[in-house]
Structures are given as C-alpha cells and as structure tokens.
PDB file of N, CA and C in Angstrom:
ATOM      1  N   MET A   1      23.355   8.988 -49.084  1.00  0.00           N
ATOM      2  CA  MET A   1      24.560   9.503 -48.403  1.00  0.00           C
ATOM      3  C   MET A   1      25.681   9.206 -49.497  1.00  0.00           C
ATOM      4  N   ASP A   2      25.723   8.259 -50.348  1.00  0.00           N
ATOM      5  CA  ASP A   2      26.271   7.926 -51.550  1.00  0.00           C
ATOM      6  C   ASP A   2      26.663   9.509 -52.221  1.00  0.00           C
ATOM      7  N   GLU A   3      25.641  10.375 -52.439  1.00  0.00           N
ATOM      8  CA  GLU A   3      25.733  11.077 -53.380  1.00  0.00           C
ATOM      9  C   GLU A   3      26.389  12.477 -52.672  1.00  0.00           C
ATOM     10  N   SER A   4      26.118  12.791 -51.482  1.00  0.00           N
ATOM     11  CA  SER A   4      27.140  13.626 -50.474  1.00  0.00           C
ATOM     12  C   SER A   4      28.349  13.024 -50.613  1.00  0.00           C
ATOM     13  N   MET A   5      28.897  11.647 -50.345  1.00  0.00           N
ATOM     14  CA  MET A   5      30.097  11.464 -50.146  1.00  0.00           C
ATOM     15  C   MET A   5      30.845  11.734 -51.846  1.00  0.00           C
ATOM     16  N   GLY A   6      30.095  11.613 -52.953  1.00  0.00           N
ATOM     17  CA  GLY A   6      30.393  11.856 -54.193  1.00  0.00           C
ATOM     18  C   GLY A   6      30.894  13.651 -54.498  1.00  0.00           C
ATOM     19  N   LEU A   7      30.064  14.099 -53.606  1.00  0.00           N
ATOM     20  CA  LEU A   7      30.106  15.910 -53.772  1.00  0.00           C
ATOM     21  C   LEU A   7      31.316  16.268 -52.687  1.00  0.00           C
ATOM     22  N   TYR A   8      31.277  15.504 -51.573  1.00  0.00           N
ATOM     23  CA  TYR A   8      32.813  15.798 -50.793  1.00  0.00           C
ATOM     24  C   TYR A   8      34.019  15.370 -51.701  1.00  0.00           C
ATOM     25  N   LEU A   9      34.109  14.234 -52.280  1.00  0.00           N
ATOM     26  CA  LEU A   9      35.333  13.831 -52.958  1.00  0.00           C
ATOM     27  C   LEU A   9      35.695  14.729 -54.147  1.00  0.00           C
ATOM     28  N   GLY A  10      34.343  15.240 -54.735  1.00  0.00           N
ATOM     29  CA  GLY A  10      34.638  16.149 -55.760  1.00  0.00           C
ATOM     30  C   GLY A  10      35.046  17.586 -55.385  1.00  0.00           C
ATOM     31  N   VAL A  11      34.502  17.958 -54.389  1.00  0.00           N
ATOM     32  CA  VAL A  11      35.311  19.253 -53.850  1.00  0.00           C
ATOM     33  C   VAL A  11      36.807  18.979 -53.322  1.00  0.00           C
ATOM     34  N   LEU A  12      37.178  18.011 -52.957  1.00  0.00           N
ATOM     35  CA  LEU A  12      38.424  17.627 -52.257  1.00  0.00           C
ATOM     36  C   LEU A  12      39.167  17.759 -53.340  1.00  0.00           C
ATOM     37  N   ILE A  13      38.907  17.060 -54.594  1.00  0.00           N
ATOM     38  CA  ILE A  13      39.623  16.853 -55.698  1.00  0.00           C
ATOM     39  C   ILE A  13      39.699  18.320 -56.228  1.00  0.00           C
ATOM     40  N   CYS A  14      38.838  19.290 -56.253  1.00  0.00           N
ATOM     41  CA  CYS A  14      38.909  20.259 -57.013  1.00  0.00           C
ATOM     42  C   CYS A  14      39.791  21.287 -56.315  1.00  0.00           C
ATOM     43  N   LEU A  15      39.537  21.036 -54.811  1.00  0.00           N
ATOM     44  CA  LEU A  15      40.671  21.961 -54.193  1.00  0.00           C
ATOM     45  C   LEU A  15      41.971  21.770 -54.344  1.00  0.00           C
ATOM     46  N   ALA A  16      42.204  20.250 -54.519  1.00  0.00           N
ATOM     47  CA  ALA A  16      43.609  19.696 -54.705  1.00  0.00           C
ATOM     48  C   ALA A  16      44.281  20.504 -55.989  1.00  0.00           C
ATOM     49  N   ILE A  17      43.563  20.349 -56.970  1.00  0.00           N
ATOM     50  CA  ILE A  17      43.862  20.764 -58.045  1.00  0.00           C
ATOM     51  C   ILE A  17      43.882  22.395 -58.331  1.00  0.00           C
ATOM     52  N   PHE A  18      43.109  22.989 -57.386  1.00  0.00           N
ATOM     53  CA  PHE A  18      43.242  24.486 -57.226  1.00  0.00           C
ATOM     54  C   PHE A  18      44.715  24.876 -56.584  1.00  0.00           C
ATOM     55  N   PHE A  19      44.922  24.524 -55.580  1.00  0.00           N
ATOM     56  CA  PHE A  19      46.055  24.434 -54.740  1.00  0.00           C
ATOM     57  C   PHE A  19      47.224  23.686 -55.202  1.00  0.00           C
ATOM     58  N   LEU A  20      47.330  23.094 -56.394  1.00  0.00           N
ATOM     59  CA  LEU A  20      48.470  22.235 -56.874  1.00  0.00           C
ATOM     60  C   LEU A  20      49.495  23.376 -56.690  1.00  0.00           C
ATOM     61  N   PRO A  21      49.773  24.583 -57.362  1.00  0.00           N
ATOM     62  CA  PRO A  21      51.235  25.468 -57.247  1.00  0.00           C
ATOM     63  C   PRO A  21      51.385  25.249 -55.887  1.00  0.00           C
ATOM     64  N   THR A  22      50.631  25.439 -54.878  1.00  0.00           N
ATOM     65  CA  THR A  22      50.896  25.960 -53.522  1.00  0.00           C
ATOM     66  C   THR A  22      51.705  24.614 -53.166  1.00  0.00           C
ATOM     67  N   ILE A  23      50.971  23.209 -53.266  1.00  0.00           N
ATOM     68  CA  ILE A  23      51.409  22.182 -52.706  1.00  0.00           C
ATOM     69  C   ILE A  23      52.675  21.538 -53.407  1.00  0.00           C
ATOM     70  N   ILE A  24      52.647  22.123 -54.740  1.00  0.00           N
ATOM     71  CA  ILE A  24      54.354  21.798 -55.263  1.00  0.00           C
ATOM     72  C   ILE A  24      55.380  22.522 -54.395  1.00  0.00           C
ATOM     73  N   ALA A  25      54.965  23.974 -54.315  1.00  0.00           N
ATOM     74  CA  ALA A  25      56.054  24.758 -53.797  1.00  0.00           C
ATOM     75  C   ALA A  25      56.355  24.243 -52.260  1.00  0.00           C
ATOM     76  N   LEU A  26      55.879  23.753 -51.350  1.00  0.00           N
ATOM     77  CA  LEU A  26      55.622  23.200 -50.393  1.00  0.00           C
ATOM     78  C   LEU A  26      56.594  22.225 -50.476  1.00  0.00           C
ATOM     79  N   PHE A  27      56.278  21.241 -51.302  1.00  0.00           N
ATOM     80  CA  PHE A  27      56.869  19.973 -51.222  1.00  0.00           C
ATOM     81  C   PHE A  27      58.597  20.248 -52.078  1.00  0.00           C
ATOM     82  N   LYS A  28      58.463  21.104 -52.643  1.00  0.00           N
ATOM     83  CA  LYS A  28      60.047  21.567 -53.175  1.00  0.00           C
ATOM     84  C   LYS A  28      60.727  22.443 -52.242  1.00  0.00           C
ATOM     85  N   LYS A  29      60.146  22.713 -51.372  1.00  0.00           N
ATOM     86  CA  LYS A  29      60.226  23.713 -50.091  1.00  0.00           C
ATOM     87  C   LYS A  29      61.223  24.882 -50.822  1.00  0.00           C
ATOM     88  N   HIS A  30      60.171  25.642 -51.467  1.00  0.00           N
ATOM     89  CA  HIS A  30      60.361  26.750 -52.460  1.00  0.00           C
ATOM     90  C   HIS A  30      60.568  27.860 -51.549  1.00  0.00           C
ATOM     91  N   PRO A  31      61.417  28.698 -51.710  1.00  0.00           N
ATOM     92  CA  PRO A  31      61.733  29.679 -50.770  1.00  0.00           C
ATOM     93  C   PRO A  31      60.734  30.830 -50.894  1.00  0.00           C
ATOM     94  N   LYS A  32      59.935  31.057 -51.872  1.00  0.00           N
ATOM     95  CA  LYS A  32      58.785  31.981 -52.065  1.00  0.00           C
ATOM     96  C   LYS A  32      57.729  31.294 -52.320  1.00  0.00           C
ATOM     97  N   LYS A  33      57.053  30.279 -50.840  1.00  0.00           N
ATOM     98  CA  LYS A  33      56.189  29.634 -51.223  1.00  0.00           C
ATOM     99  C   LYS A  33      55.153  30.413 -50.605  1.00  0.00           C
ATOM    100  N   VAL A  34      55.222  31.372 -49.938  1.00  0.00           N
ATOM    101  CA  VAL A  34      54.039  32.200 -49.087  1.00  0.00           C
ATOM    102  C   VAL A  34      53.312  33.214 -50.507  1.00  0.00           C
ATOM    103  N   GLY A  35      54.580  33.674 -51.101  1.00  0.00           N
ATOM    104  CA  GLY A  35      54.039  34.550 -52.299  1.00  0.00           C
ATOM    105  C   GLY A  35      53.541  33.657 -53.250  1.00  0.00           C
ATOM    106  N   ILE A  36      53.626  32.381 -53.517  1.00  0.00           N
ATOM    107  CA  ILE A  36      52.836  31.482 -54.409  1.00  0.00           C
ATOM    108  C   ILE A  36      51.885  31.226 -54.000  1.00  0.00           C
ATOM    109  N   LEU A  37      51.497  30.939 -52.719  1.00  0.00           N
ATOM    110  CA  LEU A  37      50.022  30.712 -51.991  1.00  0.00           C
ATOM    111  C   LEU A  37      49.145  31.986 -52.320  1.00  0.00           C
ATOM    112  N   LEU A  38      49.924  33.283 -51.963  1.00  0.00           N
ATOM    113  CA  LEU A  38      49.139  34.337 -52.104  1.00  0.00           C
ATOM    114  C   LEU A  38      48.672  34.494 -53.855  1.00  0.00           C
ATOM    115  N   VAL A  39      49.538  34.399 -54.287  1.00  0.00           N
ATOM    116  CA  VAL A  39      49.251  34.379 -55.898  1.00  0.00           C
ATOM    117  C   VAL A  39      48.005  33.520 -56.397  1.00  0.00           C
ATOM    118  N   ASN A  40      48.188  32.340 -55.478  1.00  0.00           N
ATOM    119  CA  ASN A  40      47.198  31.315 -55.992  1.00  0.00           C
ATOM    120  C   ASN A  40      45.995  31.705 -55.591  1.00  0.00           C
ATOM    121  N   ILE A  41      45.679  32.160 -54.216  1.00  0.00           N
ATOM    122  CA  ILE A  41      44.496  32.733 -53.685  1.00  0.00           C
ATOM    123  C   ILE A  41      43.765  33.782 -54.433  1.00  0.00           C
ATOM    124  N   VAL A  42      44.717  34.753 -55.040  1.00  0.00           N
ATOM    125  CA  VAL A  42      44.253  35.615 -55.474  1.00  0.00           C
ATOM    126  C   VAL A  42      44.235  35.550 -56.998  1.00  0.00           C
ATOM    127  N   GLY A  43      44.520  34.792 -57.324  1.00  0.00           N
ATOM    128  CA  GLY A  43      44.480  34.152 -58.807  1.00  0.00           C
ATOM    129  C   GLY A  43      42.944  33.440 -59.271  1.00  0.00           C
ATOM    130  N   ILE A  44      42.344  33.176 -57.792  1.00  0.00           N
ATOM    131  CA  ILE A  44      40.987  32.368 -58.036  1.00  0.00           C
ATOM    132  C   ILE A  44      40.011  33.461 -59.368  1.00  0.00           C
ATOM    133  N   PHE A  45      40.325  34.540 -59.533  1.00  0.00           N
ATOM    134  CA  PHE A  45      39.541  35.399 -60.069  1.00  0.00           C
ATOM    135  C   PHE A  45      40.277  35.626 -61.725  1.00  0.00           C
ATOM    136  N   GLY A  46      39.630  34.736 -62.519  1.00  0.00           N
ATOM    137  CA  GLY A  46      40.093  34.647 -64.040  1.00  0.00           C
ATOM    138  C   GLY A  46      40.979  33.484 -64.395  1.00  0.00           C
ATOM    139  N   GLY A  47      41.915  32.800 -63.356  1.00  0.00           N
ATOM    140  CA  GLY A  47      42.327  31.886 -63.477  1.00  0.00           C
ATOM    141  C   GLY A  47      44.209  32.032 -63.812  1.00  0.00           C
ATOM    142  N   LEU A  48      44.139  33.214 -64.360  1.00  0.00           N
ATOM    143  CA  LEU A  48      45.545  33.758 -64.552  1.00  0.00           C
ATOM    144  C   LEU A  48      46.900  33.637 -63.861  1.00  0.00           C
ATOM    145  N   GLY A  49      46.275  33.936 -62.314  1.00  0.00           N
ATOM    146  CA  GLY A  49      46.941  34.104 -61.367  1.00  0.00           C
ATOM    147  C   GLY A  49      47.426  32.501 -60.738  1.00  0.00           C
ATOM    148  N   TRP A  50      46.471  31.569 -61.394  1.00  0.00           N
ATOM    149  CA  TRP A  50      46.901  30.151 -61.070  1.00  0.00           C
ATOM    150  C   TRP A  50      47.739  29.832 -61.663  1.00  0.00           C
ATOM    151  N   LEU A  51      47.817  29.786 -63.108  1.00  0.00           N
ATOM    152  CA  LEU A  51      48.597  29.576 -64.404  1.00  0.00           C
ATOM    153  C   LEU A  51      50.119  30.531 -63.896  1.00  0.00           C
ATOM    154  N   ALA A  52      50.142  31.454 -63.449  1.00  0.00           N
ATOM    155  CA  ALA A  52      51.416  32.167 -62.668  1.00  0.00           C
ATOM    156  C   ALA A  52      52.119  31.703 -61.758  1.00  0.00           C
ATOM    157  N   ALA A  53      51.139  31.287 -60.695  1.00  0.00           N
ATOM    158  CA  ALA A  53      51.609  30.328 -59.645  1.00  0.00           C
ATOM    159  C   ALA A  53      52.040  29.112 -59.828  1.00  0.00           C
ATOM    160  N   LEU A  54      51.433  28.504 -60.653  1.00  0.00           N
ATOM    161  CA  LEU A  54      51.916  26.977 -61.255  1.00  0.00           C
ATOM    162  C   LEU A  54      53.288  27.215 -61.838  1.00  0.00           C
ATOM    163  N   ILE A  55      53.624  27.957 -62.662  1.00  0.00           N
ATOM    164  CA  ILE A  55      54.854  28.511 -63.605  1.00  0.00           C
ATOM    165  C   ILE A  55      55.953  28.519 -62.282  1.00  0.00           C
ATOM    166  N   TRP A  56      55.289  29.638 -61.215  1.00  0.00           N
ATOM    167  CA  TRP A  56      56.284  30.337 -60.580  1.00  0.00           C
ATOM    168  C   TRP A  56      57.154  29.275 -59.368  1.00  0.00           C
ATOM    169  N   CYS A  57      56.368  28.116 -59.230  1.00  0.00           N
ATOM    170  CA  CYS A  57      56.455  26.891 -58.187  1.00  0.00           C
ATOM    171  C   CYS A  57      57.514  26.154 -58.880  1.00  0.00           C
ATOM    172  N   PHE A  58      57.957  26.135 -60.228  1.00  0.00           N
ATOM    173  CA  PHE A  58      59.038  25.608 -60.765  1.00  0.00           C
ATOM    174  C   PHE A  58      60.536  26.231 -60.995  1.00  0.00           C
ATOM    175  N   ILE A  59      60.142  27.527 -60.726  1.00  0.00           N
ATOM    176  CA  ILE A  59      61.231  28.237 -60.808  1.00  0.00           C
ATOM    177  C   ILE A  59      62.133  28.481 -59.483  1.00  0.00           C
ATOM    178  N   LEU A  60      62.996  28.042 -59.591  1.00  0.00           N
ATOM    179  CA  LEU A  60      64.045  28.270 -57.923  1.00  0.00           C
ATOM    180  C   LEU A  60      64.713  29.549 -58.244  1.00  0.00           C
ATOM    181  N   PRO A  61      64.905  30.212 -57.272  1.00  0.00           N
ATOM    182  CA  PRO A  61      65.917  31.372 -57.613  1.00  0.00           C
ATOM    183  C   PRO A  61      67.297  31.037 -57.557  1.00  0.00           C
ATOM    184  N   LYS A  62      68.252  31.594 -58.213  1.00  0.00           N
ATOM    185  CA  LYS A  62      69.217  31.380 -58.093  1.00  0.00           C
ATOM    186  C   LYS A  62      70.329  31.602 -56.842  1.00  0.00           C
ATOM    187  N   GLU A  63      71.189  30.888 -56.592  1.00  0.00           N
ATOM    188  CA  GLU A  63      71.700  30.891 -55.000  1.00  0.00           C
ATOM    189  C   GLU A  63      72.425  32.442 -54.977  1.00  0.00           C
ATOM    190  N   GLN A  64      72.229  33.005 -54.440  1.00  0.00           N
ATOM    191  CA  GLN A  64      73.362  34.348 -54.599  1.00  0.00           C
ATOM    192  C   GLN A  64      74.651  33.993 -53.665  1.00  0.00           C
ATOM    193  N   SER A  65      75.759  34.367 -54.010  1.00  0.00           N
ATOM    194  CA  SER A  65      76.892  34.580 -53.575  1.00  0.00           C
ATOM    195  C   SER A  65      77.579  35.529 -52.785  1.00  0.00           C
ATOM    196  N   SER A  66      77.991  35.635 -51.830  1.00  0.00           N
ATOM    197  CA  SER A  66      78.538  36.853 -51.118  1.00  0.00           C
ATOM    198  C   SER A  66      79.923  37.221 -51.420  1.00  0.00           C
TER     199      SER A  66
END
C-alpha cells in the first residue's frame, strides 16, 4: 500500500509540474489562459510547447486604449 501511495504522489507531482504554466496563468488571471492551456497540452510532445507556455504565462498583454 505504501508503494502505491508513493506512485500516486509521484504522478500528482509530475502533473503539477506539467501544468505549471496553466496554473500560473489561472492564478495571474491571464486573459489568454485557454491558449496557454492548449499550448501546454499540445506541447507534451518534445517539451518546446511547455517552455513556450511557461514564458507566455508571464507575459501580460498591454492594455489597449480606445
């Protein structure tokens, strides 16, 4: 039972790291959080998308004045 608990904990930590850009975007109330989530999910292949999503979640668009 202890081994399975460790496995579940490891999977949970890996998922949290994988979705870190999306989690940050949600907490920062990023206006493009859905796009960041999609890049994050598609970026599972190769890791470049994950890095792009991580950078994107820290870049907030400038306010547009009308």
